[in-house]
Amino acid sequence: QAEDALRKACERKSLQLQEMGRRECLLKSDVDRAKGQLESFKSQVVQVCTSQASGEAGKTLTAQQVLEKVRQMWEENQQSQAREKCLQEELSSRLLKEKEASESIEVFKKSVCELQ
């Protein structure tokens, strides 16, 4: 009876191990596909940047120069987004103040009318 229970447990573990192996293969395949997509994207970025740079200055860029340019553009984008957020907050604040002022003017007008 104990031997039978051990055999069944062993079979379950064997099936689990096979399933884990199958999942590992799928994950490796996904990782390889993602690496390929990343390399393709990288080469496309380098190609576009290199062709634009060579058209402008008559020279080609290294991959490192392209990456530096992309990093610089990303930082500029982050700064622009921060500036936009700041301006949005300022606009919201001014609109709120304008609304409060309009409400105060309406109260004042109402008071003047009541006094007349």
N, C-alpha and C. Protein backbone atom coordinates (compact mmCIF):
# COMPACT_ATOMS: atom_id res chain seq x y z
N GLN A 1 0.84 -1.20 0.00
CA GLN A 1 0.00 0.00 0.00
C GLN A 1 0.89 1.26 0.00
N ALA A 2 1.91 1.29 0.87
CA ALA A 2 2.83 2.43 0.91
C ALA A 2 3.59 2.54 -0.40
N GLU A 3 3.94 1.40 -0.95
CA GLU A 3 4.67 1.39 -2.23
C GLU A 3 3.80 1.96 -3.34
N ASP A 4 2.52 1.62 -3.34
CA ASP A 4 1.58 2.13 -4.34
C ASP A 4 1.43 3.65 -4.20
N ALA A 5 1.32 4.15 -2.95
CA ALA A 5 1.20 5.58 -2.71
C ALA A 5 2.46 6.31 -3.19
N LEU A 6 3.61 5.73 -2.94
CA LEU A 6 4.87 6.34 -3.39
C LEU A 6 4.96 6.36 -4.91
N ARG A 7 4.49 5.28 -5.54
CA ARG A 7 4.52 5.21 -7.01
C ARG A 7 3.61 6.30 -7.61
N LYS A 8 2.42 6.46 -7.03
CA LYS A 8 1.50 7.50 -7.52
C LYS A 8 2.08 8.89 -7.30
N ALA A 9 2.68 9.12 -6.15
CA ALA A 9 3.31 10.42 -5.87
C ALA A 9 4.44 10.67 -6.86
N CYS A 10 5.19 9.64 -7.15
CA CYS A 10 6.30 9.77 -8.10
C CYS A 10 5.77 10.10 -9.49
N GLU A 11 4.67 9.47 -9.88
CA GLU A 11 4.07 9.76 -11.19
C GLU A 11 3.58 11.21 -11.25
N ARG A 12 2.94 11.67 -10.16
CA ARG A 12 2.48 13.07 -10.11
C ARG A 12 3.67 14.02 -10.25
N LYS A 13 4.72 13.74 -9.51
CA LYS A 13 5.91 14.61 -9.57
C LYS A 13 6.52 14.57 -10.97
N SER A 14 6.50 13.42 -11.59
CA SER A 14 7.04 13.29 -12.95
C SER A 14 6.22 14.14 -13.92
N LEU A 15 4.89 14.09 -13.80
CA LEU A 15 4.03 14.91 -14.66
C LEU A 15 4.26 16.39 -14.39
N GLN A 16 4.41 16.77 -13.12
CA GLN A 16 4.68 18.16 -12.78
C GLN A 16 5.99 18.62 -13.39
N LEU A 17 7.00 17.75 -13.32
CA LEU A 17 8.30 18.08 -13.88
C LEU A 17 8.22 18.26 -15.39
N GLN A 18 7.45 17.40 -16.05
CA GLN A 18 7.27 17.54 -17.50
C GLN A 18 6.58 18.86 -17.83
N GLU A 19 5.55 19.20 -17.06
CA GLU A 19 4.84 20.46 -17.27
C GLU A 19 5.77 21.65 -17.06
N MET A 20 6.59 21.59 -16.02
CA MET A 20 7.55 22.67 -15.77
C MET A 20 8.54 22.79 -16.91
N GLY A 21 8.97 21.68 -17.45
CA GLY A 21 9.88 21.69 -18.60
C GLY A 21 9.23 22.32 -19.81
N ARG A 22 7.95 21.98 -20.04
CA ARG A 22 7.22 22.56 -21.17
C ARG A 22 7.09 24.07 -21.00
N ARG A 23 6.76 24.50 -19.79
CA ARG A 23 6.63 25.94 -19.53
C ARG A 23 7.97 26.64 -19.69
N GLU A 24 9.03 26.00 -19.26
CA GLU A 24 10.37 26.59 -19.39
C GLU A 24 10.71 26.79 -20.87
N CYS A 25 10.38 25.80 -21.68
CA CYS A 25 10.63 25.93 -23.13
C CYS A 25 9.83 27.09 -23.72
N LEU A 26 8.57 27.22 -23.30
CA LEU A 26 7.75 28.33 -23.80
C LEU A 26 8.33 29.67 -23.36
N LEU A 27 8.76 29.75 -22.12
CA LEU A 27 9.34 31.00 -21.63
C LEU A 27 10.63 31.34 -22.37
N LYS A 28 11.47 30.34 -22.60
CA LYS A 28 12.71 30.58 -23.35
C LYS A 28 12.39 31.07 -24.75
N SER A 29 11.37 30.49 -25.35
CA SER A 29 10.96 30.91 -26.68
C SER A 29 10.49 32.36 -26.66
N ASP A 30 9.70 32.72 -25.65
CA ASP A 30 9.23 34.10 -25.52
C ASP A 30 10.39 35.06 -25.32
N VAL A 31 11.36 34.67 -24.50
CA VAL A 31 12.53 35.53 -24.25
C VAL A 31 13.32 35.71 -25.55
N ASP A 32 13.52 34.62 -26.28
CA ASP A 32 14.26 34.72 -27.54
C ASP A 32 13.53 35.62 -28.53
N ARG A 33 12.21 35.50 -28.59
CA ARG A 33 11.42 36.33 -29.50
C ARG A 33 11.54 37.80 -29.09
N ALA A 34 11.47 38.07 -27.78
CA ALA A 34 11.58 39.45 -27.29
C ALA A 34 12.96 40.02 -27.60
N LYS A 35 14.00 39.19 -27.43
CA LYS A 35 15.36 39.65 -27.77
C LYS A 35 15.45 40.01 -29.24
N GLY A 36 14.87 39.18 -30.08
CA GLY A 36 14.87 39.46 -31.51
C GLY A 36 14.15 40.75 -31.85
N GLN A 37 13.01 40.96 -31.21
CA GLN A 37 12.26 42.19 -31.45
C GLN A 37 13.05 43.41 -30.98
N LEU A 38 13.71 43.27 -29.84
CA LEU A 38 14.52 44.37 -29.32
C LEU A 38 15.67 44.69 -30.26
N GLU A 39 16.35 43.69 -30.74
CA GLU A 39 17.46 43.90 -31.67
C GLU A 39 16.95 44.53 -32.97
N SER A 40 15.79 44.09 -33.44
CA SER A 40 15.21 44.67 -34.65
C SER A 40 14.88 46.15 -34.44
N PHE A 41 14.27 46.44 -33.30
CA PHE A 41 13.93 47.83 -32.99
C PHE A 41 15.20 48.67 -32.90
N LYS A 42 16.21 48.14 -32.22
CA LYS A 42 17.47 48.87 -32.06
C LYS A 42 18.09 49.16 -33.43
N SER A 43 18.11 48.17 -34.29
CA SER A 43 18.72 48.39 -35.61
C SER A 43 17.90 49.38 -36.43
N GLN A 44 16.58 49.36 -36.28
CA GLN A 44 15.75 50.34 -36.99
C GLN A 44 16.03 51.75 -36.51
N VAL A 45 16.16 51.91 -35.18
CA VAL A 45 16.45 53.24 -34.62
C VAL A 45 17.80 53.72 -35.13
N VAL A 46 18.79 52.86 -35.07
CA VAL A 46 20.13 53.23 -35.54
C VAL A 46 20.09 53.59 -37.02
N GLN A 47 19.37 52.79 -37.80
CA GLN A 47 19.28 53.05 -39.24
C GLN A 47 18.62 54.39 -39.53
N VAL A 48 17.52 54.67 -38.86
CA VAL A 48 16.82 55.94 -39.10
C VAL A 48 17.68 57.11 -38.67
N CYS A 49 18.24 57.01 -37.47
CA CYS A 49 19.07 58.11 -36.97
C CYS A 49 20.31 58.31 -37.83
N THR A 50 20.91 57.23 -38.25
CA THR A 50 22.11 57.32 -39.08
C THR A 50 21.79 57.94 -40.43
N SER A 51 20.67 57.53 -41.02
CA SER A 51 20.33 58.09 -42.33
C SER A 51 19.98 59.57 -42.21
N GLN A 52 19.32 59.97 -41.11
CA GLN A 52 19.02 61.38 -40.92
C GLN A 52 20.29 62.18 -40.69
N ALA A 53 21.19 61.64 -39.89
CA ALA A 53 22.43 62.35 -39.59
C ALA A 53 23.31 62.44 -40.83
N SER A 54 23.36 61.35 -41.60
CA SER A 54 24.22 61.39 -42.79
C SER A 54 23.64 62.35 -43.82
N GLY A 55 22.31 62.46 -43.86
CA GLY A 55 21.68 63.40 -44.79
C GLY A 55 21.94 64.84 -44.38
N GLU A 56 22.04 65.09 -43.09
CA GLU A 56 22.23 66.45 -42.60
C GLU A 56 23.70 66.87 -42.64
N ALA A 57 24.56 66.02 -42.14
CA ALA A 57 25.95 66.43 -41.96
C ALA A 57 26.93 65.66 -42.85
N GLY A 58 26.44 64.71 -43.61
CA GLY A 58 27.33 63.95 -44.47
C GLY A 58 28.21 62.98 -43.71
N LYS A 59 27.78 62.56 -42.52
CA LYS A 59 28.57 61.60 -41.74
C LYS A 59 27.64 60.56 -41.14
N THR A 60 28.21 59.47 -40.70
CA THR A 60 27.42 58.42 -40.06
C THR A 60 27.69 58.46 -38.56
N LEU A 61 26.74 57.97 -37.80
CA LEU A 61 26.86 57.95 -36.35
C LEU A 61 27.14 56.53 -35.87
N THR A 62 27.80 56.45 -34.74
CA THR A 62 27.98 55.15 -34.11
C THR A 62 26.72 54.84 -33.32
N ALA A 63 26.57 53.57 -32.96
CA ALA A 63 25.42 53.17 -32.16
C ALA A 63 25.42 53.93 -30.83
N GLN A 64 26.59 54.15 -30.26
CA GLN A 64 26.68 54.87 -28.99
C GLN A 64 26.19 56.31 -29.14
N GLN A 65 26.54 56.96 -30.25
CA GLN A 65 26.09 58.33 -30.50
C GLN A 65 24.58 58.37 -30.67
N VAL A 66 24.03 57.37 -31.34
CA VAL A 66 22.59 57.30 -31.52
C VAL A 66 21.91 57.12 -30.17
N LEU A 67 22.43 56.21 -29.35
CA LEU A 67 21.86 55.99 -28.03
C LEU A 67 21.93 57.26 -27.18
N GLU A 68 23.03 57.98 -27.27
CA GLU A 68 23.17 59.23 -26.52
C GLU A 68 22.14 60.25 -27.00
N LYS A 69 21.92 60.31 -28.31
CA LYS A 69 20.93 61.23 -28.86
C LYS A 69 19.52 60.85 -28.39
N VAL A 70 19.23 59.55 -28.38
CA VAL A 70 17.92 59.08 -27.91
C VAL A 70 17.76 59.42 -26.44
N ARG A 71 18.80 59.22 -25.63
CA ARG A 71 18.76 59.56 -24.21
C ARG A 71 18.50 61.06 -24.02
N GLN A 72 19.19 61.86 -24.82
CA GLN A 72 19.02 63.31 -24.74
C GLN A 72 17.58 63.71 -25.11
N MET A 73 17.06 63.09 -26.15
CA MET A 73 15.68 63.40 -26.56
C MET A 73 14.70 62.97 -25.47
N TRP A 74 14.96 61.83 -24.82
CA TRP A 74 14.10 61.35 -23.75
C TRP A 74 14.11 62.35 -22.59
N GLU A 75 15.29 62.84 -22.23
CA GLU A 75 15.40 63.81 -21.15
C GLU A 75 14.66 65.10 -21.50
N GLU A 76 14.80 65.55 -22.74
CA GLU A 76 14.09 66.75 -23.17
C GLU A 76 12.58 66.53 -23.11
N ASN A 77 12.15 65.34 -23.48
CA ASN A 77 10.72 65.01 -23.40
C ASN A 77 10.25 65.04 -21.95
N GLN A 78 11.05 64.49 -21.04
CA GLN A 78 10.69 64.50 -19.62
C GLN A 78 10.59 65.95 -19.10
N GLN A 79 11.53 66.78 -19.51
CA GLN A 79 11.51 68.19 -19.09
C GLN A 79 10.28 68.90 -19.65
N SER A 80 9.95 68.60 -20.90
CA SER A 80 8.76 69.21 -21.51
C SER A 80 7.50 68.78 -20.78
N GLN A 81 7.43 67.51 -20.43
CA GLN A 81 6.25 67.02 -19.70
C GLN A 81 6.15 67.68 -18.33
N ALA A 82 7.29 67.84 -17.65
CA ALA A 82 7.29 68.49 -16.33
C ALA A 82 6.85 69.94 -16.48
N ARG A 83 7.34 70.61 -17.50
CA ARG A 83 6.96 72.02 -17.75
C ARG A 83 5.47 72.11 -18.07
N GLU A 84 4.99 71.18 -18.88
CA GLU A 84 3.56 71.18 -19.22
C GLU A 84 2.71 70.97 -17.97
N LYS A 85 3.12 70.07 -17.11
CA LYS A 85 2.39 69.82 -15.87
C LYS A 85 2.37 71.09 -15.00
N CYS A 86 3.52 71.74 -14.91
CA CYS A 86 3.61 72.97 -14.13
C CYS A 86 2.68 74.04 -14.70
N LEU A 87 2.68 74.18 -16.00
CA LEU A 87 1.82 75.17 -16.65
C LEU A 87 0.34 74.82 -16.46
N GLN A 88 0.02 73.54 -16.51
CA GLN A 88 -1.37 73.12 -16.28
C GLN A 88 -1.82 73.47 -14.87
N GLU A 89 -0.92 73.24 -13.91
CA GLU A 89 -1.24 73.57 -12.52
C GLU A 89 -1.42 75.08 -12.36
N GLU A 90 -0.55 75.84 -13.00
CA GLU A 90 -0.65 77.30 -12.93
C GLU A 90 -1.95 77.77 -13.57
N LEU A 91 -2.30 77.19 -14.70
CA LEU A 91 -3.55 77.54 -15.38
C LEU A 91 -4.75 77.21 -14.50
N SER A 92 -4.73 76.04 -13.89
CA SER A 92 -5.83 75.66 -13.01
C SER A 92 -5.96 76.63 -11.85
N SER A 93 -4.83 77.02 -11.29
CA SER A 93 -4.83 77.96 -10.18
C SER A 93 -5.41 79.31 -10.61
N ARG A 94 -4.98 79.78 -11.77
CA ARG A 94 -5.48 81.07 -12.27
C ARG A 94 -6.97 81.01 -12.58
N LEU A 95 -7.41 79.89 -13.14
CA LEU A 95 -8.84 79.75 -13.44
C LEU A 95 -9.66 79.73 -12.15
N LEU A 96 -9.14 79.08 -11.14
CA LEU A 96 -9.83 79.05 -9.85
C LEU A 96 -9.91 80.46 -9.25
N LYS A 97 -8.81 81.19 -9.32
CA LYS A 97 -8.81 82.57 -8.81
C LYS A 97 -9.78 83.44 -9.60
N GLU A 98 -9.81 83.23 -10.93
CA GLU A 98 -10.72 84.00 -11.77
C GLU A 98 -12.17 83.68 -11.41
N LYS A 99 -12.46 82.42 -11.17
CA LYS A 99 -13.81 82.01 -10.78
C LYS A 99 -14.20 82.64 -9.45
N GLU A 100 -13.27 82.62 -8.49
CA GLU A 100 -13.53 83.23 -7.19
C GLU A 100 -13.76 84.73 -7.33
N ALA A 101 -12.96 85.37 -8.17
CA ALA A 101 -13.13 86.81 -8.40
C ALA A 101 -14.48 87.09 -9.03
N SER A 102 -14.89 86.28 -10.00
CA SER A 102 -16.19 86.47 -10.65
C SER A 102 -17.32 86.32 -9.65
N GLU A 103 -17.18 85.32 -8.78
CA GLU A 103 -18.20 85.12 -7.76
C GLU A 103 -18.26 86.32 -6.81
N SER A 104 -17.09 86.85 -6.45
CA SER A 104 -17.04 88.02 -5.57
C SER A 104 -17.67 89.23 -6.25
N ILE A 105 -17.43 89.39 -7.54
CA ILE A 105 -18.00 90.51 -8.29
C ILE A 105 -19.52 90.38 -8.33
N GLU A 106 -20.00 89.15 -8.53
CA GLU A 106 -21.45 88.93 -8.55
C GLU A 106 -22.06 89.27 -7.20
N VAL A 107 -21.40 88.88 -6.12
CA VAL A 107 -21.90 89.20 -4.78
C VAL A 107 -21.89 90.71 -4.58
N PHE A 108 -20.82 91.36 -5.04
CA PHE A 108 -20.72 92.81 -4.92
C PHE A 108 -21.84 93.49 -5.72
N LYS A 109 -22.06 93.05 -6.96
CA LYS A 109 -23.12 93.63 -7.80
C LYS A 109 -24.48 93.46 -7.12
N LYS A 110 -24.70 92.29 -6.56
CA LYS A 110 -25.96 92.01 -5.89
C LYS A 110 -26.13 92.96 -4.69
N SER A 111 -25.06 93.15 -3.94
CA SER A 111 -25.11 94.04 -2.79
C SER A 111 -25.39 95.46 -3.23
N VAL A 112 -24.76 95.92 -4.30
CA VAL A 112 -24.98 97.29 -4.80
C VAL A 112 -26.43 97.44 -5.24
N CYS A 113 -26.96 96.46 -5.93
CA CYS A 113 -28.36 96.52 -6.36
C CYS A 113 -29.29 96.59 -5.17
N GLU A 114 -28.99 95.83 -4.14
CA GLU A 114 -29.83 95.85 -2.93
C GLU A 114 -29.76 97.20 -2.23
N LEU A 115 -28.60 97.83 -2.24
CA LEU A 115 -28.43 99.13 -1.62
C LEU A 115 -29.20 100.21 -2.37
N GLN A 116 -29.28 100.07 -3.69
CA GLN A 116 -29.98 101.08 -4.50
C GLN A 116 -31.46 100.95 -4.24
